[in-house]
Amino acid sequence: MQETQKRDIKSMTLSQLEAELQAAGEKNFRAKQLYQWMHVKLARGFEEMTNLSKEFREKCGEVYDYTSLATVQVQESAIDGTRKYLFRLSDGNLVESVWMKYHHGNSVCISSQVGCRMGCRFCASTLDGLERNLLPSEMLDQIYAIQLDTGERVSNVVVMGTGEPLDNYENLLVFIRLLTDENGLHISQRNVTVSTCGLVPEIRRLAEEKLQITLALSLHAATDEKRRALMPIADRYSIQELMEACRYYFECTGRRITFEYSLVGGVNDTDQDAEKLSALAGPLNCHVNLIPVNPIKERDFVQSEASRIRTFQNNLEKNKIHVTIRREMGRDIDGACGQLRRRTMHAMEAENSLQDCGGSKTC
């Protein structure tokens, strides 16, 4: 007899869970109890749900998958206390998350995919391609696991880790609904930021959802020619198409967009680049976030000099552009997206290869 595939209970909304349990003949209040254990008390498994009968918990375990990420490694910065987490999924894949402490609250940056297929030249996340999308529960549990580990509430969530969130559109929407649901962690939509490298159709779809999240566009260049050299997605969508999508997003939501701009020494950090970026940002209600690029050994990109970064900022401000320089967090702990995961994966591959050779280094 073919085994019935278990359903992902942690990705269900409260209304879906209520319908599910009602169909199974359970009392109405069971759904609320389960939901609170998963999304408020942050239980790591059915066995922790002590006000539910053992019989009911066992039945749930037979029918449902319960996502609970395993912590593989935690790195803590000696500079600012930032923590980088490496989690193992149920299928053995690895994802990264980052916990950052600010004066305005604790922020967590999560991954939305295992790997990435967007191919941005300066990003370690994309070097090994895309493995698969993360489920809503797998995105949520990065936050839950970190909140349990730190013992502190997360108040801001940034979907800017490994992966392109809008390439995992449907799961992303469910994740946002669950994260901001008043019956769960109830994080304000205004405290959620979603990053995209510029998938124009999905930006327009997201605009029509009329969510109150912040959209962060990874722009990184102010001309199509330079953007194509840094980001393959620019071969599909021009800057003009992107700007039109950004205007549409603002018209639909009233939410100011953030332009993420990684400064690469000698590539996109000239005075002319600043003028062209000002011309793009000026007509839009947007904020520019300058990011000193975090070099990776697989590429020859270097970070702009500190004086060049300040000059670039000054040029934007002279043109009345709202601009900040991103504070570098966790620089001493593989701070950039994908670095820790990739290094760990390669170490595991090398170890497995050595074991296959019977421990011989000359295999």
Protein backbone atom coordinates (compact mmCIF):
# COMPACT_ATOMS: atom_id res chain seq x y z
CA MET A 1 0.00 0.00 0.00
CA GLN A 2 1.34 3.42 -0.95
CA GLU A 3 2.14 5.61 2.07
CA THR A 4 0.07 8.79 2.28
CA GLN A 5 2.24 11.89 2.10
CA LYS A 6 2.18 13.92 5.30
CA ARG A 7 0.96 17.51 5.13
CA ASP A 8 2.92 20.49 6.38
CA ILE A 9 0.90 21.62 9.40
CA LYS A 10 3.09 24.61 10.27
CA SER A 11 2.39 26.20 6.88
CA MET A 12 -1.39 26.17 7.44
CA THR A 13 -3.26 29.35 8.32
CA LEU A 14 -5.57 29.23 11.32
CA SER A 15 -8.65 29.02 9.08
CA GLN A 16 -7.08 26.16 7.10
CA LEU A 17 -6.21 24.35 10.32
CA GLU A 18 -9.75 24.82 11.64
CA ALA A 19 -11.20 23.33 8.43
CA GLU A 20 -8.69 20.49 8.55
CA LEU A 21 -9.50 19.46 12.10
CA GLN A 22 -13.24 19.96 11.69
CA ALA A 23 -13.16 17.54 8.76
CA ALA A 24 -11.33 15.07 11.01
CA GLY A 25 -14.11 15.34 13.61
CA GLU A 26 -12.10 17.32 16.19
CA LYS A 27 -13.56 20.02 18.42
CA ASN A 28 -13.23 23.62 17.18
CA PHE A 29 -10.92 24.81 19.96
CA ARG A 30 -8.27 22.19 19.05
CA ALA A 31 -7.16 24.28 16.05
CA LYS A 32 -6.54 27.37 18.19
CA GLN A 33 -4.61 25.28 20.73
CA LEU A 34 -2.40 23.75 18.04
CA TYR A 35 -1.86 27.09 16.33
CA GLN A 36 -0.76 28.73 19.58
CA TRP A 37 1.65 25.93 20.37
CA MET A 38 3.22 26.30 16.92
CA HIS A 39 3.27 30.07 16.47
CA VAL A 40 3.16 31.61 19.97
CA LYS A 41 4.75 29.09 22.34
CA LEU A 42 7.07 27.96 19.51
CA ALA A 43 6.91 24.25 20.37
CA ARG A 44 9.60 22.16 18.67
CA GLY A 45 7.30 19.17 18.23
CA PHE A 46 3.90 17.69 19.06
CA GLU A 47 5.33 16.04 22.18
CA GLU A 48 5.71 19.48 23.84
CA MET A 49 1.99 20.26 23.52
CA THR A 50 1.15 19.14 27.03
CA ASN A 51 -2.48 20.31 27.19
CA LEU A 52 -3.37 18.04 24.26
CA SER A 53 -4.05 14.35 24.79
CA LYS A 54 -1.33 11.85 23.99
CA GLU A 55 -3.71 10.13 21.55
CA PHE A 56 -4.36 13.38 19.66
CA ARG A 57 -0.65 14.24 19.53
CA GLU A 58 0.19 10.79 18.19
CA LYS A 59 -2.52 11.09 15.56
CA CYS A 60 -1.10 14.47 14.48
CA GLY A 61 2.38 12.95 14.21
CA GLU A 62 1.03 10.25 11.89
CA VAL A 63 -0.75 12.71 9.59
CA TYR A 64 1.36 15.87 9.60
CA ASP A 65 4.96 16.93 9.07
CA TYR A 66 6.15 19.27 11.79
CA THR A 67 8.93 21.60 10.66
CA SER A 68 11.60 22.11 13.30
CA LEU A 69 15.00 23.17 12.00
CA ALA A 70 18.14 21.67 13.51
CA THR A 71 20.87 24.13 14.48
CA VAL A 72 24.17 23.05 12.91
CA GLN A 73 26.34 26.01 13.86
CA VAL A 74 26.12 29.44 15.48
CA GLN A 75 28.78 32.10 14.98
CA GLU A 76 28.77 35.17 17.20
CA SER A 77 30.56 38.37 16.28
CA ALA A 78 33.09 39.63 18.80
CA ILE A 79 32.54 43.10 17.33
CA ASP A 80 28.79 43.68 17.67
CA GLY A 81 27.15 40.47 18.96
CA THR A 82 25.56 39.60 15.63
CA ARG A 83 24.84 35.87 15.39
CA LYS A 84 24.91 33.84 12.20
CA TYR A 85 22.97 30.59 12.24
CA LEU A 86 23.33 27.56 10.00
CA PHE A 87 20.23 25.35 10.04
CA ARG A 88 19.66 21.87 8.64
CA LEU A 89 16.32 21.15 6.96
CA SER A 90 14.56 17.78 7.16
CA ASP A 91 16.00 16.75 3.77
CA GLY A 92 19.58 17.56 4.84
CA ASN A 93 19.85 20.87 3.01
CA LEU A 94 21.39 23.85 4.82
CA VAL A 95 20.18 27.45 5.13
CA GLU A 96 21.58 30.55 6.83
CA SER A 97 19.95 33.21 9.01
CA VAL A 98 21.34 36.23 10.86
CA TRP A 99 20.26 37.79 14.17
CA MET A 100 21.16 41.47 14.61
CA LYS A 101 20.63 43.60 17.70
CA TYR A 102 19.75 47.26 17.11
CA HIS A 103 18.65 50.02 19.48
CA HIS A 104 15.17 49.89 17.91
CA GLY A 105 14.81 46.12 18.39
CA ASN A 106 16.07 42.74 17.23
CA SER A 107 16.14 41.95 13.52
CA VAL A 108 16.41 38.58 11.82
CA CYS A 109 17.46 38.16 8.20
CA ILE A 110 16.18 34.89 6.78
CA SER A 111 16.66 32.81 3.64
CA SER A 112 13.78 32.07 1.25
CA GLN A 113 15.43 29.39 -0.92
CA VAL A 114 18.13 26.76 -0.70
CA GLY A 115 20.64 28.40 -3.02
CA CYS A 116 19.64 30.87 -5.72
CA ARG A 117 19.42 30.93 -9.51
CA MET A 118 19.63 34.69 -10.07
CA GLY A 119 23.41 34.69 -10.63
CA CYS A 120 24.33 38.09 -9.15
CA ARG A 121 28.09 38.36 -9.64
CA PHE A 122 29.05 39.55 -6.14
CA CYS A 123 26.90 37.10 -4.16
CA ALA A 124 28.07 33.78 -2.68
CA SER A 125 24.48 32.49 -2.42
CA THR A 126 24.16 31.93 -6.14
CA LEU A 127 27.47 30.20 -6.86
CA ASP A 128 26.05 26.67 -6.54
CA GLY A 129 22.68 27.45 -8.14
CA LEU A 130 19.18 26.80 -6.82
CA GLU A 131 18.40 23.59 -4.94
CA ARG A 132 14.76 24.26 -4.02
CA ASN A 133 12.27 26.73 -2.57
CA LEU A 134 11.67 26.93 1.17
CA LEU A 135 8.23 26.19 2.55
CA PRO A 136 6.46 28.88 4.60
CA SER A 137 7.12 26.81 7.72
CA GLU A 138 10.85 26.62 6.91
CA MET A 139 11.04 30.40 6.59
CA LEU A 140 9.08 30.87 9.82
CA ASP A 141 11.09 28.40 11.82
CA GLN A 142 14.34 30.27 11.19
CA ILE A 143 12.79 33.09 13.22
CA TYR A 144 11.27 30.78 15.84
CA ALA A 145 14.53 28.88 16.41
CA ILE A 146 16.49 32.12 16.78
CA GLN A 147 13.96 33.64 19.17
CA LEU A 148 14.12 30.52 21.34
CA ASP A 149 17.93 30.50 21.26
CA THR A 150 18.36 34.17 22.16
CA GLY A 151 15.45 34.36 24.57
CA GLU A 152 14.56 37.73 23.03
CA ARG A 153 11.64 38.78 20.87
CA VAL A 154 12.22 39.44 17.19
CA SER A 155 10.61 42.71 16.13
CA ASN A 156 11.88 43.09 12.55
CA VAL A 157 12.21 40.50 9.78
CA VAL A 158 14.17 40.93 6.58
CA VAL A 159 13.79 38.38 3.77
CA MET A 160 17.18 39.16 2.29
CA GLY A 161 19.25 36.05 2.97
CA THR A 162 19.95 33.28 0.49
CA GLY A 163 17.50 33.14 -2.41
CA GLU A 164 15.25 35.48 -4.39
CA PRO A 165 12.01 35.81 -2.35
CA LEU A 166 9.83 36.71 -5.35
CA ASP A 167 11.08 33.56 -7.11
CA ASN A 168 9.26 31.72 -4.30
CA TYR A 169 6.21 33.95 -4.52
CA GLU A 170 3.32 31.82 -3.23
CA ASN A 171 5.24 30.44 -0.25
CA LEU A 172 6.47 33.96 0.57
CA LEU A 173 2.91 35.29 0.74
CA VAL A 174 1.80 32.50 3.09
CA PHE A 175 4.88 33.15 5.24
CA ILE A 176 4.04 36.87 5.53
CA ARG A 177 0.40 36.12 6.42
CA LEU A 178 1.47 33.68 9.16
CA LEU A 179 4.23 35.91 10.53
CA THR A 180 1.95 38.93 10.84
CA ASP A 181 -1.19 37.08 11.97
CA GLU A 182 -2.53 38.45 15.25
CA ASN A 183 -2.91 34.87 16.50
CA GLY A 184 0.82 34.16 16.03
CA LEU A 185 3.96 36.24 16.60
CA HIS A 186 1.96 39.19 15.23
CA ILE A 187 4.92 41.10 13.81
CA SER A 188 3.70 44.26 12.09
CA GLN A 189 3.75 44.16 8.29
CA ARG A 190 5.56 47.51 8.45
CA ASN A 191 8.41 45.70 10.23
CA VAL A 192 8.84 43.19 7.38
CA THR A 193 11.18 43.89 4.46
CA VAL A 194 11.30 41.77 1.32
CA SER A 195 14.24 42.09 -1.06
CA THR A 196 14.18 41.42 -4.80
CA CYS A 197 16.76 41.60 -7.56
CA GLY A 198 14.00 42.91 -9.83
CA LEU A 199 11.40 40.38 -11.02
CA VAL A 200 9.08 42.90 -12.64
CA PRO A 201 5.88 40.78 -13.01
CA GLU A 202 6.14 39.64 -9.37
CA ILE A 203 6.71 43.21 -8.13
CA ARG A 204 3.45 44.17 -9.85
CA ARG A 205 1.64 41.14 -8.37
CA LEU A 206 2.95 42.00 -4.92
CA ALA A 207 1.77 45.59 -5.33
CA GLU A 208 -1.78 44.34 -5.89
CA GLU A 209 -1.69 42.40 -2.61
CA LYS A 210 -1.63 45.85 -0.95
CA LEU A 211 0.53 44.64 1.93
CA GLN A 212 2.21 47.20 4.17
CA ILE A 213 5.65 45.59 3.98
CA THR A 214 8.77 47.38 2.73
CA LEU A 215 10.02 46.37 -0.70
CA ALA A 216 13.80 46.59 -1.17
CA LEU A 217 15.02 46.57 -4.77
CA SER A 218 18.57 45.36 -5.31
CA LEU A 219 19.51 47.93 -7.93
CA HIS A 220 23.33 48.08 -7.70
CA ALA A 221 23.76 50.09 -10.91
CA ALA A 222 22.03 53.07 -12.52
CA THR A 223 22.46 52.06 -16.17
CA ASP A 224 21.38 48.93 -18.00
CA GLU A 225 24.92 48.30 -19.23
CA LYS A 226 26.49 48.28 -15.77
CA ARG A 227 23.56 46.40 -14.25
CA ARG A 228 23.85 43.63 -16.83
CA ALA A 229 27.52 43.21 -15.91
CA LEU A 230 26.57 42.69 -12.25
CA MET A 231 23.14 41.05 -12.44
CA PRO A 232 21.94 38.61 -15.14
CA ILE A 233 18.31 39.50 -14.32
CA ALA A 234 19.00 42.83 -16.08
CA ASP A 235 19.03 40.92 -19.38
CA ARG A 236 15.31 40.25 -18.85
CA TYR A 237 14.08 43.54 -17.40
CA SER A 238 15.40 47.01 -18.17
CA ILE A 239 15.82 49.74 -15.58
CA GLN A 240 12.94 51.60 -17.21
CA GLU A 241 10.65 48.58 -16.67
CA LEU A 242 11.88 48.35 -13.08
CA MET A 243 11.18 52.00 -12.35
CA GLU A 244 7.68 51.70 -13.79
CA ALA A 245 7.05 48.67 -11.55
CA CYS A 246 8.36 50.62 -8.54
CA ARG A 247 6.01 53.52 -9.30
CA TYR A 248 3.12 51.06 -9.57
CA TYR A 249 4.08 49.49 -6.23
CA PHE A 250 4.04 52.89 -4.51
CA GLU A 251 0.73 53.86 -6.13
CA CYS A 252 -0.91 50.61 -4.93
CA THR A 253 0.52 50.48 -1.41
CA GLY A 254 1.68 53.99 -0.47
CA ARG A 255 4.85 52.32 0.83
CA ARG A 256 8.23 53.89 0.12
CA ILE A 257 10.64 51.59 -1.75
CA THR A 258 14.27 51.12 -0.75
CA PHE A 259 16.97 50.93 -3.42
CA GLU A 260 19.79 48.63 -2.27
CA TYR A 261 23.04 49.71 -3.91
CA SER A 262 26.21 47.65 -3.31
CA LEU A 263 29.26 49.81 -3.91
CA VAL A 264 31.95 47.95 -5.86
CA GLY A 265 35.29 49.71 -6.10
CA GLY A 266 35.92 51.07 -9.61
CA VAL A 267 32.73 49.56 -10.99
CA ASN A 268 29.66 51.53 -9.87
CA ASP A 269 30.97 54.10 -7.37
CA THR A 270 31.93 57.10 -9.53
CA ASP A 271 30.49 60.62 -9.36
CA GLN A 272 28.74 59.90 -12.67
CA ASP A 273 27.13 56.79 -11.13
CA ALA A 274 25.86 58.92 -8.24
CA GLU A 275 24.33 61.46 -10.64
CA LYS A 276 22.58 58.75 -12.65
CA LEU A 277 21.30 57.11 -9.47
CA SER A 278 19.97 60.49 -8.32
CA ALA A 279 18.11 60.86 -11.61
CA LEU A 280 16.43 57.47 -11.05
CA ALA A 281 15.63 57.97 -7.37
CA GLY A 282 14.58 61.61 -7.55
CA PRO A 283 11.13 61.15 -9.16
CA LEU A 284 10.28 58.26 -6.83
CA ASN A 285 9.39 58.30 -3.14
CA CYS A 286 12.30 56.04 -2.24
CA HIS A 287 15.25 55.59 0.08
CA VAL A 288 18.76 54.61 -1.07
CA ASN A 289 20.71 52.18 1.11
CA LEU A 290 24.41 52.12 0.22
CA ILE A 291 26.11 48.80 0.95
CA PRO A 292 29.92 48.43 1.00
CA VAL A 293 30.21 45.16 -0.95
CA ASN A 294 31.43 42.17 1.06
CA PRO A 295 34.17 40.55 -1.11
CA ILE A 296 34.04 36.81 -1.80
CA LYS A 297 37.07 34.80 -2.91
CA GLU A 298 35.34 33.48 -6.04
CA ARG A 299 35.08 37.00 -7.52
CA ASP A 300 37.55 39.84 -7.94
CA PHE A 301 35.21 42.61 -6.75
CA VAL A 302 36.59 44.90 -4.04
CA GLN A 303 34.90 47.24 -1.60
CA SER A 304 34.96 50.94 -2.41
CA GLU A 305 37.29 53.09 -0.33
CA ALA A 306 35.67 54.71 2.72
CA SER A 307 36.29 58.20 1.30
CA ARG A 308 34.65 57.20 -2.01
CA ILE A 309 31.61 55.84 -0.15
CA ARG A 310 31.21 59.12 1.75
CA THR A 311 31.61 61.14 -1.45
CA PHE A 312 28.98 58.99 -3.16
CA GLN A 313 26.62 59.58 -0.24
CA ASN A 314 27.27 63.33 -0.33
CA ASN A 315 26.55 63.49 -4.06
CA LEU A 316 23.16 61.83 -3.50
CA GLU A 317 22.31 64.09 -0.59
CA LYS A 318 23.14 67.18 -2.66
CA ASN A 319 20.41 65.99 -5.02
CA LYS A 320 17.97 65.67 -2.07
CA ILE A 321 17.98 61.86 -2.10
CA HIS A 322 17.29 60.13 1.22
CA VAL A 323 20.35 57.93 1.73
CA THR A 324 22.06 55.87 4.42
CA ILE A 325 25.16 53.69 4.51
CA ARG A 326 24.34 50.25 5.82
CA ARG A 327 26.05 49.50 9.08
CA GLU A 328 28.27 46.45 8.59
CA MET A 329 27.17 43.72 10.98
CA GLY A 330 28.97 40.45 11.65
CA ARG A 331 31.88 41.15 9.34
CA ASP A 332 34.09 38.77 11.35
CA ILE A 333 31.69 35.79 11.09
CA ASP A 334 31.08 35.11 7.38
CA GLY A 335 28.58 37.96 7.43
CA ALA A 336 27.64 37.97 3.74
CA CYS A 337 24.83 35.77 2.42
CA GLY A 338 25.85 32.23 1.54
CA GLN A 339 29.41 32.24 2.86
CA LEU A 340 28.92 30.03 5.92
CA ARG A 341 26.60 27.61 4.13
CA ARG A 342 28.95 27.23 1.18
CA ARG A 343 32.04 26.74 3.31
CA THR A 344 30.26 24.11 5.43
CA MET A 345 28.92 22.28 2.35
CA HIS A 346 32.38 22.07 0.79
CA ALA A 347 33.89 20.85 4.05
CA MET A 348 31.22 18.13 4.27
CA GLU A 349 31.84 17.11 0.64
CA ALA A 350 35.57 16.88 1.26
CA GLU A 351 35.01 14.77 4.38
CA ASN A 352 32.63 12.42 2.55
CA SER A 353 35.10 12.09 -0.32
CA LEU A 354 37.84 11.20 2.14
CA GLN A 355 35.64 8.57 3.79
CA ASP A 356 34.82 7.07 0.38
CA CYS A 357 38.56 6.72 -0.18
CA GLY A 358 39.06 4.89 3.10
CA GLY A 359 40.73 7.92 4.69
CA SER A 360 43.49 8.20 2.09
CA LYS A 361 44.42 11.74 1.11
CA THR A 362 45.87 10.51 -2.16
CA CYS A 363 42.65 8.92 -3.43
